[in-house]
Each structure stands twice: as C-alpha cells, then as structure tokens.
C-alpha cells in the first residue's frame, strides 16, 4: 500500500522552473515538503526521496499524513 500511496502522491507533484534554469517542486497538502534540482528529472527524483522520508517520519511520529486518491495511511489502534 505504501508504494501505491507514494506513486499517487507523486502524480500530484507540481514543478516550476526558476529564471536561472533550476527546478523546484512540491506536492500540495504535504506541508514543508519540497525539493529542487538542476533539471526537472533531478528535482522529481529528489522530491520522491523527500516524500518517502516525510511519510515514514510522520508515520513513525504518529503524525497525520494526507489522504491521497482515497489511500489513507492512518494507523488506528487495535484493541
């Protein structure tokens, strides 16, 4: 499920090119998550890596993560 979640989140990524030619990317609703790179492809790879770290950190700390395309990674306690 994690792989599907990451792939779905990356489909929502937005990229912008600076006037200097470098690229900046982020994914809406993922607060504080962004990456940059010398090309759009490098930026995308950096963003994917940052997303993986962001999600794993958030889940480990029991912080909320956005629901993406109906995929909810919220861990509920089992009694």
PDB file of N, CA and C in Angstrom:
ATOM      1  N   UNK A   1       0.818  -1.187   0.000  1.00  0.00           N
ATOM      2  CA  UNK A   1       0.000   0.000   0.000  1.00  0.00           C
ATOM      3  C   UNK A   1       0.868   1.259   0.000  1.00  0.00           C
ATOM      4  N   UNK A   2       1.999   1.222   0.677  1.00  0.00           N
ATOM      5  CA  UNK A   2       2.872   2.394   0.745  1.00  0.00           C
ATOM      6  C   UNK A   2       3.353   2.801  -0.651  1.00  0.00           C
ATOM      7  N   UNK A   3       3.702   1.819  -1.458  1.00  0.00           N
ATOM      8  CA  UNK A   3       4.158   2.113  -2.822  1.00  0.00           C
ATOM      9  C   UNK A   3       3.072   2.818  -3.621  1.00  0.00           C
ATOM     10  N   UNK A   4       1.841   2.335  -3.522  1.00  0.00           N
ATOM     11  CA  UNK A   4       0.718   2.963  -4.229  1.00  0.00           C
ATOM     12  C   UNK A   4       0.501   4.391  -3.736  1.00  0.00           C
ATOM     13  N   UNK A   5       0.644   4.582  -2.435  1.00  0.00           N
ATOM     14  CA  UNK A   5       0.476   5.913  -1.846  1.00  0.00           C
ATOM     15  C   UNK A   5       1.527   6.879  -2.395  1.00  0.00           C
ATOM     16  N   UNK A   6       2.779   6.447  -2.394  1.00  0.00           N
ATOM     17  CA  UNK A   6       3.859   7.307  -2.889  1.00  0.00           C
ATOM     18  C   UNK A   6       3.667   7.631  -4.369  1.00  0.00           C
ATOM     19  N   UNK A   7       3.302   6.637  -5.150  1.00  0.00           N
ATOM     20  CA  UNK A   7       3.063   6.872  -6.583  1.00  0.00           C
ATOM     21  C   UNK A   7       1.913   7.849  -6.793  1.00  0.00           C
ATOM     22  N   UNK A   8       0.842   7.685  -6.021  1.00  0.00           N
ATOM     23  CA  UNK A   8      -0.315   8.582  -6.137  1.00  0.00           C
ATOM     24  C   UNK A   8       0.070  10.005  -5.756  1.00  0.00           C
ATOM     25  N   UNK A   9       0.815  10.152  -4.679  1.00  0.00           N
ATOM     26  CA  UNK A   9       1.240  11.492  -4.250  1.00  0.00           C
ATOM     27  C   UNK A   9       2.111  12.151  -5.316  1.00  0.00           C
ATOM     28  N   UNK A  10       3.009  11.391  -5.910  1.00  0.00           N
ATOM     29  CA  UNK A  10       3.896  11.958  -6.936  1.00  0.00           C
ATOM     30  C   UNK A  10       3.124  12.399  -8.173  1.00  0.00           C
ATOM     31  N   UNK A  11       1.981  11.793  -8.438  1.00  0.00           N
ATOM     32  CA  UNK A  11       1.160  12.232  -9.583  1.00  0.00           C
ATOM     33  C   UNK A  11       0.601  13.636  -9.358  1.00  0.00           C
ATOM     34  N   UNK A  12       0.584  14.087  -8.111  1.00  0.00           N
ATOM     35  CA  UNK A  12       0.076  15.421  -7.784  1.00  0.00           C
ATOM     36  C   UNK A  12       1.199  16.464  -7.680  1.00  0.00           C
ATOM     37  N   UNK A  13       2.425  16.034  -7.905  1.00  0.00           N
ATOM     38  CA  UNK A  13       3.565  16.951  -7.788  1.00  0.00           C
ATOM     39  C   UNK A  13       3.447  18.093  -8.794  1.00  0.00           C
ATOM     40  N   UNK A  14       3.882  19.256  -8.344  1.00  0.00           N
ATOM     41  CA  UNK A  14       3.897  20.446  -9.192  1.00  0.00           C
ATOM     42  C   UNK A  14       5.332  20.962  -9.269  1.00  0.00           C
ATOM     43  N   UNK A  15       5.734  21.393 -10.453  1.00  0.00           N
ATOM     44  CA  UNK A  15       7.105  21.835 -10.691  1.00  0.00           C
ATOM     45  C   UNK A  15       7.110  23.229 -11.308  1.00  0.00           C
ATOM     46  N   UNK A  16       8.130  23.986 -10.965  1.00  0.00           N
ATOM     47  CA  UNK A  16       8.323  25.312 -11.553  1.00  0.00           C
ATOM     48  C   UNK A  16       9.807  25.470 -11.882  1.00  0.00           C
ATOM     49  N   UNK A  17      10.061  26.137 -12.973  1.00  0.00           N
ATOM     50  CA  UNK A  17      11.447  26.420 -13.346  1.00  0.00           C
ATOM     51  C   UNK A  17      11.767  27.857 -12.979  1.00  0.00           C
ATOM     52  N   UNK A  18      12.902  28.040 -12.339  1.00  0.00           N
ATOM     53  CA  UNK A  18      13.324  29.392 -11.952  1.00  0.00           C
ATOM     54  C   UNK A  18      13.889  30.124 -13.166  1.00  0.00           C
ATOM     55  N   UNK A  19      14.055  31.408 -13.025  1.00  0.00           N
ATOM     56  CA  UNK A  19      14.628  32.199 -14.118  1.00  0.00           C
ATOM     57  C   UNK A  19      16.083  31.809 -14.381  1.00  0.00           C
ATOM     58  N   UNK A  20      16.733  31.210 -13.379  1.00  0.00           N
ATOM     59  CA  UNK A  20      18.122  30.757 -13.540  1.00  0.00           C
ATOM     60  C   UNK A  20      18.206  29.376 -14.192  1.00  0.00           C
ATOM     61  N   UNK A  21      17.058  28.705 -14.339  1.00  0.00           N
ATOM     62  CA  UNK A  21      17.038  27.408 -15.014  1.00  0.00           C
ATOM     63  C   UNK A  21      16.897  26.206 -14.097  1.00  0.00           C
ATOM     64  N   UNK A  22      17.050  26.382 -12.799  1.00  0.00           N
ATOM     65  CA  UNK A  22      16.874  25.246 -11.897  1.00  0.00           C
ATOM     66  C   UNK A  22      15.382  24.982 -11.690  1.00  0.00           C
ATOM     67  N   UNK A  23      15.065  23.852 -11.113  1.00  0.00           N
ATOM     68  CA  UNK A  23      13.677  23.440 -10.910  1.00  0.00           C
ATOM     69  C   UNK A  23      13.361  23.316  -9.436  1.00  0.00           C
ATOM     70  N   UNK A  24      12.106  23.579  -9.082  1.00  0.00           N
ATOM     71  CA  UNK A  24      11.599  23.490  -7.724  1.00  0.00           C
ATOM     72  C   UNK A  24      10.290  22.718  -7.793  1.00  0.00           C
ATOM     73  N   UNK A  25      10.096  21.794  -6.859  1.00  0.00           N
ATOM     74  CA  UNK A  25       8.867  21.013  -6.869  1.00  0.00           C
ATOM     75  C   UNK A  25       8.297  20.821  -5.479  1.00  0.00           C
ATOM     76  N   UNK A  26       6.992  20.639  -5.426  1.00  0.00           N
ATOM     77  CA  UNK A  26       6.308  20.351  -4.163  1.00  0.00           C
ATOM     78  C   UNK A  26       5.051  19.545  -4.473  1.00  0.00           C
ATOM     79  N   UNK A  27       4.448  19.011  -3.411  1.00  0.00           N
ATOM     80  CA  UNK A  27       3.193  18.277  -3.541  1.00  0.00           C
ATOM     81  C   UNK A  27       2.182  18.974  -2.639  1.00  0.00           C
ATOM     82  N   UNK A  28       1.098  19.484  -3.199  1.00  0.00           N
ATOM     83  CA  UNK A  28       0.092  20.165  -2.385  1.00  0.00           C
ATOM     84  C   UNK A  28      -0.383  19.278  -1.221  1.00  0.00           C
ATOM     85  N   UNK A  29      -0.642  19.901  -0.101  1.00  0.00           N
ATOM     86  CA  UNK A  29      -1.132  19.269   1.133  1.00  0.00           C
ATOM     87  C   UNK A  29      -0.054  18.535   1.927  1.00  0.00           C
ATOM     88  N   UNK A  30       1.177  18.532   1.452  1.00  0.00           N
ATOM     89  CA  UNK A  30       2.285  17.941   2.207  1.00  0.00           C
ATOM     90  C   UNK A  30       3.133  19.088   2.744  1.00  0.00           C
ATOM     91  N   UNK A  31       2.743  19.565   3.908  1.00  0.00           N
ATOM     92  CA  UNK A  31       3.352  20.759   4.500  1.00  0.00           C
ATOM     93  C   UNK A  31       4.863  20.594   4.699  1.00  0.00           C
ATOM     94  N   UNK A  32       5.599  21.547   4.153  1.00  0.00           N
ATOM     95  CA  UNK A  32       7.046  21.569   4.323  1.00  0.00           C
ATOM     96  C   UNK A  32       7.810  20.644   3.406  1.00  0.00           C
ATOM     97  N   UNK A  33       7.132  19.971   2.509  1.00  0.00           N
ATOM     98  CA  UNK A  33       7.794  19.029   1.599  1.00  0.00           C
ATOM     99  C   UNK A  33       8.067  19.713   0.267  1.00  0.00           C
ATOM    100  N   UNK A  34       9.334  19.792  -0.102  1.00  0.00           N
ATOM    101  CA  UNK A  34       9.710  20.377  -1.380  1.00  0.00           C
ATOM    102  C   UNK A  34      11.097  19.853  -1.748  1.00  0.00           C
ATOM    103  N   UNK A  35      11.487  20.060  -2.975  1.00  0.00           N
ATOM    104  CA  UNK A  35      12.818  19.676  -3.446  1.00  0.00           C
ATOM    105  C   UNK A  35      13.198  20.573  -4.609  1.00  0.00           C
ATOM    106  N   UNK A  36      14.469  20.595  -4.903  1.00  0.00           N
ATOM    107  CA  UNK A  36      14.932  21.344  -6.075  1.00  0.00           C
ATOM    108  C   UNK A  36      16.014  20.541  -6.775  1.00  0.00           C
ATOM    109  N   UNK A  37      16.318  20.955  -7.999  1.00  0.00           N
ATOM    110  CA  UNK A  37      17.338  20.256  -8.769  1.00  0.00           C
ATOM    111  C   UNK A  37      17.683  21.022 -10.026  1.00  0.00           C
ATOM    112  N   UNK A  38      18.755  20.602 -10.639  1.00  0.00           N
ATOM    113  CA  UNK A  38      19.246  21.296 -11.839  1.00  0.00           C
ATOM    114  C   UNK A  38      18.401  21.022 -13.071  1.00  0.00           C
ATOM    115  N   UNK A  39      17.611  19.940 -13.032  1.00  0.00           N
ATOM    116  CA  UNK A  39      16.682  19.630 -14.120  1.00  0.00           C
ATOM    117  C   UNK A  39      15.384  19.138 -13.490  1.00  0.00           C
ATOM    118  N   UNK A  40      14.349  19.067 -14.295  1.00  0.00           N
ATOM    119  CA  UNK A  40      13.071  18.597 -13.757  1.00  0.00           C
ATOM    120  C   UNK A  40      13.187  17.141 -13.304  1.00  0.00           C
ATOM    121  N   UNK A  41      13.933  16.347 -14.032  1.00  0.00           N
ATOM    122  CA  UNK A  41      14.098  14.936 -13.667  1.00  0.00           C
ATOM    123  C   UNK A  41      14.847  14.788 -12.340  1.00  0.00           C
ATOM    124  N   UNK A  42      15.889  15.578 -12.142  1.00  0.00           N
ATOM    125  CA  UNK A  42      16.625  15.547 -10.874  1.00  0.00           C
ATOM    126  C   UNK A  42      15.727  16.024  -9.742  1.00  0.00           C
ATOM    127  N   UNK A  43      14.974  17.075  -9.998  1.00  0.00           N
ATOM    128  CA  UNK A  43      14.041  17.593  -8.999  1.00  0.00           C
ATOM    129  C   UNK A  43      13.012  16.536  -8.633  1.00  0.00           C
ATOM    130  N   UNK A  44      12.489  15.833  -9.619  1.00  0.00           N
ATOM    131  CA  UNK A  44      11.499  14.781  -9.364  1.00  0.00           C
ATOM    132  C   UNK A  44      12.098  13.673  -8.495  1.00  0.00           C
ATOM    133  N   UNK A  45      13.308  13.254  -8.792  1.00  0.00           N
ATOM    134  CA  UNK A  45      13.960  12.201  -8.001  1.00  0.00           C
ATOM    135  C   UNK A  45      14.176  12.665  -6.561  1.00  0.00           C
ATOM    136  N   UNK A  46      14.600  13.905  -6.389  1.00  0.00           N
ATOM    137  CA  UNK A  46      14.805  14.456  -5.048  1.00  0.00           C
ATOM    138  C   UNK A  46      13.483  14.566  -4.290  1.00  0.00           C
ATOM    139  N   UNK A  47      12.425  14.967  -5.007  1.00  0.00           N
ATOM    140  CA  UNK A  47      11.115  15.099  -4.380  1.00  0.00           C
ATOM    141  C   UNK A  47      10.592  13.736  -3.947  1.00  0.00           C
ATOM    142  N   UNK A  48      10.778  12.722  -4.760  1.00  0.00           N
ATOM    143  CA  UNK A  48      10.339  11.374  -4.408  1.00  0.00           C
ATOM    144  C   UNK A  48      11.065  10.883  -3.159  1.00  0.00           C
ATOM    145  N   UNK A  49      12.353  11.103  -3.096  1.00  0.00           N
ATOM    146  CA  UNK A  49      13.132  10.706  -1.924  1.00  0.00           C
ATOM    147  C   UNK A  49      12.674  11.461  -0.674  1.00  0.00           C
ATOM    148  N   UNK A  50      12.459  12.763  -0.824  1.00  0.00           N
ATOM    149  CA  UNK A  50      11.995  13.575   0.302  1.00  0.00           C
ATOM    150  C   UNK A  50      10.600  13.132   0.746  1.00  0.00           C
ATOM    151  N   UNK A  51       9.741  12.773  -0.194  1.00  0.00           N
ATOM    152  CA  UNK A  51       8.398  12.292   0.130  1.00  0.00           C
ATOM    153  C   UNK A  51       8.471  11.013   0.955  1.00  0.00           C
ATOM    154  N   UNK A  52       9.305  10.078   0.539  1.00  0.00           N
ATOM    155  CA  UNK A  52       9.451   8.828   1.285  1.00  0.00           C
ATOM    156  C   UNK A  52       9.878   9.115   2.727  1.00  0.00           C
ATOM    157  N   UNK A  53      10.884   9.964   2.892  1.00  0.00           N
ATOM    158  CA  UNK A  53      11.352  10.318   4.235  1.00  0.00           C
ATOM    159  C   UNK A  53      10.259  11.006   5.036  1.00  0.00           C
ATOM    160  N   UNK A  54       9.549  11.936   4.402  1.00  0.00           N
ATOM    161  CA  UNK A  54       8.491  12.705   5.061  1.00  0.00           C
ATOM    162  C   UNK A  54       7.399  11.783   5.577  1.00  0.00           C
ATOM    163  N   UNK A  55       6.968  10.855   4.733  1.00  0.00           N
ATOM    164  CA  UNK A  55       5.883   9.936   5.110  1.00  0.00           C
ATOM    165  C   UNK A  55       6.340   9.007   6.235  1.00  0.00           C
ATOM    166  N   UNK A  56       7.517   8.414   6.103  1.00  0.00           N
ATOM    167  CA  UNK A  56       7.996   7.492   7.131  1.00  0.00           C
ATOM    168  C   UNK A  56       8.210   8.207   8.463  1.00  0.00           C
ATOM    169  N   UNK A  57       8.760   9.406   8.420  1.00  0.00           N
ATOM    170  CA  UNK A  57       8.941  10.191   9.644  1.00  0.00           C
ATOM    171  C   UNK A  57       7.589  10.486  10.292  1.00  0.00           C
ATOM    172  N   UNK A  58       6.635  10.921   9.481  1.00  0.00           N
ATOM    173  CA  UNK A  58       5.310  11.265  10.002  1.00  0.00           C
ATOM    174  C   UNK A  58       4.621  10.054  10.623  1.00  0.00           C
ATOM    175  N   UNK A  59       4.684   8.921   9.946  1.00  0.00           N
ATOM    176  CA  UNK A  59       4.047   7.715  10.478  1.00  0.00           C
ATOM    177  C   UNK A  59       4.726   7.252  11.761  1.00  0.00           C
ATOM    178  N   UNK A  60       6.036   7.330  11.787  1.00  0.00           N
ATOM    179  CA  UNK A  60       6.787   6.920  12.986  1.00  0.00           C
ATOM    180  C   UNK A  60       6.422   7.792  14.184  1.00  0.00           C
ATOM    181  N   UNK A  61       6.213   9.064  13.937  1.00  0.00           N
ATOM    182  CA  UNK A  61       5.855  10.012  15.000  1.00  0.00           C
ATOM    183  C   UNK A  61       4.347  10.101  15.232  1.00  0.00           C
ATOM    184  N   UNK A  62       3.604   9.249  14.542  1.00  0.00           N
ATOM    185  CA  UNK A  62       2.136   9.219  14.617  1.00  0.00           C
ATOM    186  C   UNK A  62       1.524  10.575  14.275  1.00  0.00           C
ATOM    187  N   UNK A  63       2.122  11.234  13.282  1.00  0.00           N
ATOM    188  CA  UNK A  63       1.603  12.496  12.773  1.00  0.00           C
ATOM    189  C   UNK A  63       0.673  12.192  11.596  1.00  0.00           C
ATOM    190  N   UNK A  64      -0.307  13.041  11.372  1.00  0.00           N
ATOM    191  CA  UNK A  64      -1.229  12.779  10.259  1.00  0.00           C
ATOM    192  C   UNK A  64      -0.546  12.953   8.901  1.00  0.00           C
ATOM    193  N   UNK A  65      -0.934  12.119   7.969  1.00  0.00           N
ATOM    194  CA  UNK A  65      -0.487  12.260   6.581  1.00  0.00           C
ATOM    195  C   UNK A  65      -1.732  12.431   5.726  1.00  0.00           C
ATOM    196  N   UNK A  66      -1.636  13.208   4.663  1.00  0.00           N
ATOM    197  CA  UNK A  66      -2.818  13.446   3.817  1.00  0.00           C
ATOM    198  C   UNK A  66      -3.340  12.156   3.175  1.00  0.00           C
ATOM    199  N   UNK A  67      -4.635  12.102   3.000  1.00  0.00           N
ATOM    200  CA  UNK A  67      -5.231  11.021   2.209  1.00  0.00           C
ATOM    201  C   UNK A  67      -5.020  11.400   0.749  1.00  0.00           C
ATOM    202  N   UNK A  68      -4.498  10.478  -0.041  1.00  0.00           N
ATOM    203  CA  UNK A  68      -4.200  10.754  -1.448  1.00  0.00           C
ATOM    204  C   UNK A  68      -4.952   9.759  -2.323  1.00  0.00           C
ATOM    205  N   UNK A  69      -5.786  10.283  -3.186  1.00  0.00           N
ATOM    206  CA  UNK A  69      -6.560   9.448  -4.115  1.00  0.00           C
ATOM    207  C   UNK A  69      -7.262   8.297  -3.392  1.00  0.00           C
ATOM    208  N   UNK A  70      -7.794   8.583  -2.214  1.00  0.00           N
ATOM    209  CA  UNK A  70      -8.525   7.586  -1.440  1.00  0.00           C
ATOM    210  C   UNK A  70      -7.652   6.661  -0.608  1.00  0.00           C
ATOM    211  N   UNK A  71      -6.341   6.809  -0.684  1.00  0.00           N
ATOM    212  CA  UNK A  71      -5.437   5.961   0.093  1.00  0.00           C
ATOM    213  C   UNK A  71      -5.142   6.653   1.420  1.00  0.00           C
ATOM    214  N   UNK A  72      -5.500   5.986   2.496  1.00  0.00           N
ATOM    215  CA  UNK A  72      -5.342   6.536   3.844  1.00  0.00           C
ATOM    216  C   UNK A  72      -4.356   5.675   4.614  1.00  0.00           C
ATOM    217  N   UNK A  73      -3.242   6.248   5.004  1.00  0.00           N
ATOM    218  CA  UNK A  73      -2.214   5.509   5.753  1.00  0.00           C
ATOM    219  C   UNK A  73      -2.373   5.659   7.258  1.00  0.00           C
ATOM    220  N   UNK A  74      -3.458   6.260   7.700  1.00  0.00           N
ATOM    221  CA  UNK A  74      -3.669   6.463   9.132  1.00  0.00           C
ATOM    222  C   UNK A  74      -3.676   5.105   9.841  1.00  0.00           C
ATOM    223  N   UNK A  75      -2.867   5.015  10.866  1.00  0.00           N
ATOM    224  CA  UNK A  75      -2.800   3.805  11.667  1.00  0.00           C
ATOM    225  C   UNK A  75      -3.767   3.944  12.827  1.00  0.00           C
ATOM    226  N   UNK A  76      -4.669   3.007  12.923  1.00  0.00           N
ATOM    227  CA  UNK A  76      -5.619   3.033  14.031  1.00  0.00           C
ATOM    228  C   UNK A  76      -5.215   1.951  15.025  1.00  0.00           C
ATOM    229  N   UNK A  77      -5.452   2.237  16.277  1.00  0.00           N
ATOM    230  CA  UNK A  77      -5.108   1.288  17.321  1.00  0.00           C
ATOM    231  C   UNK A  77      -6.056   0.097  17.260  1.00  0.00           C
ATOM    232  N   UNK A  78      -5.493  -1.058  17.489  1.00  0.00           N
ATOM    233  CA  UNK A  78      -6.274  -2.285  17.516  1.00  0.00           C
ATOM    234  C   UNK A  78      -6.413  -2.685  18.984  1.00  0.00           C
ATOM    235  N   UNK A  79      -7.650  -2.871  19.399  1.00  0.00           N
ATOM    236  CA  UNK A  79      -7.884  -3.233  20.812  1.00  0.00           C
ATOM    237  C   UNK A  79      -7.808  -4.715  21.020  1.00  0.00           C
TER     238      UNK A  79
END
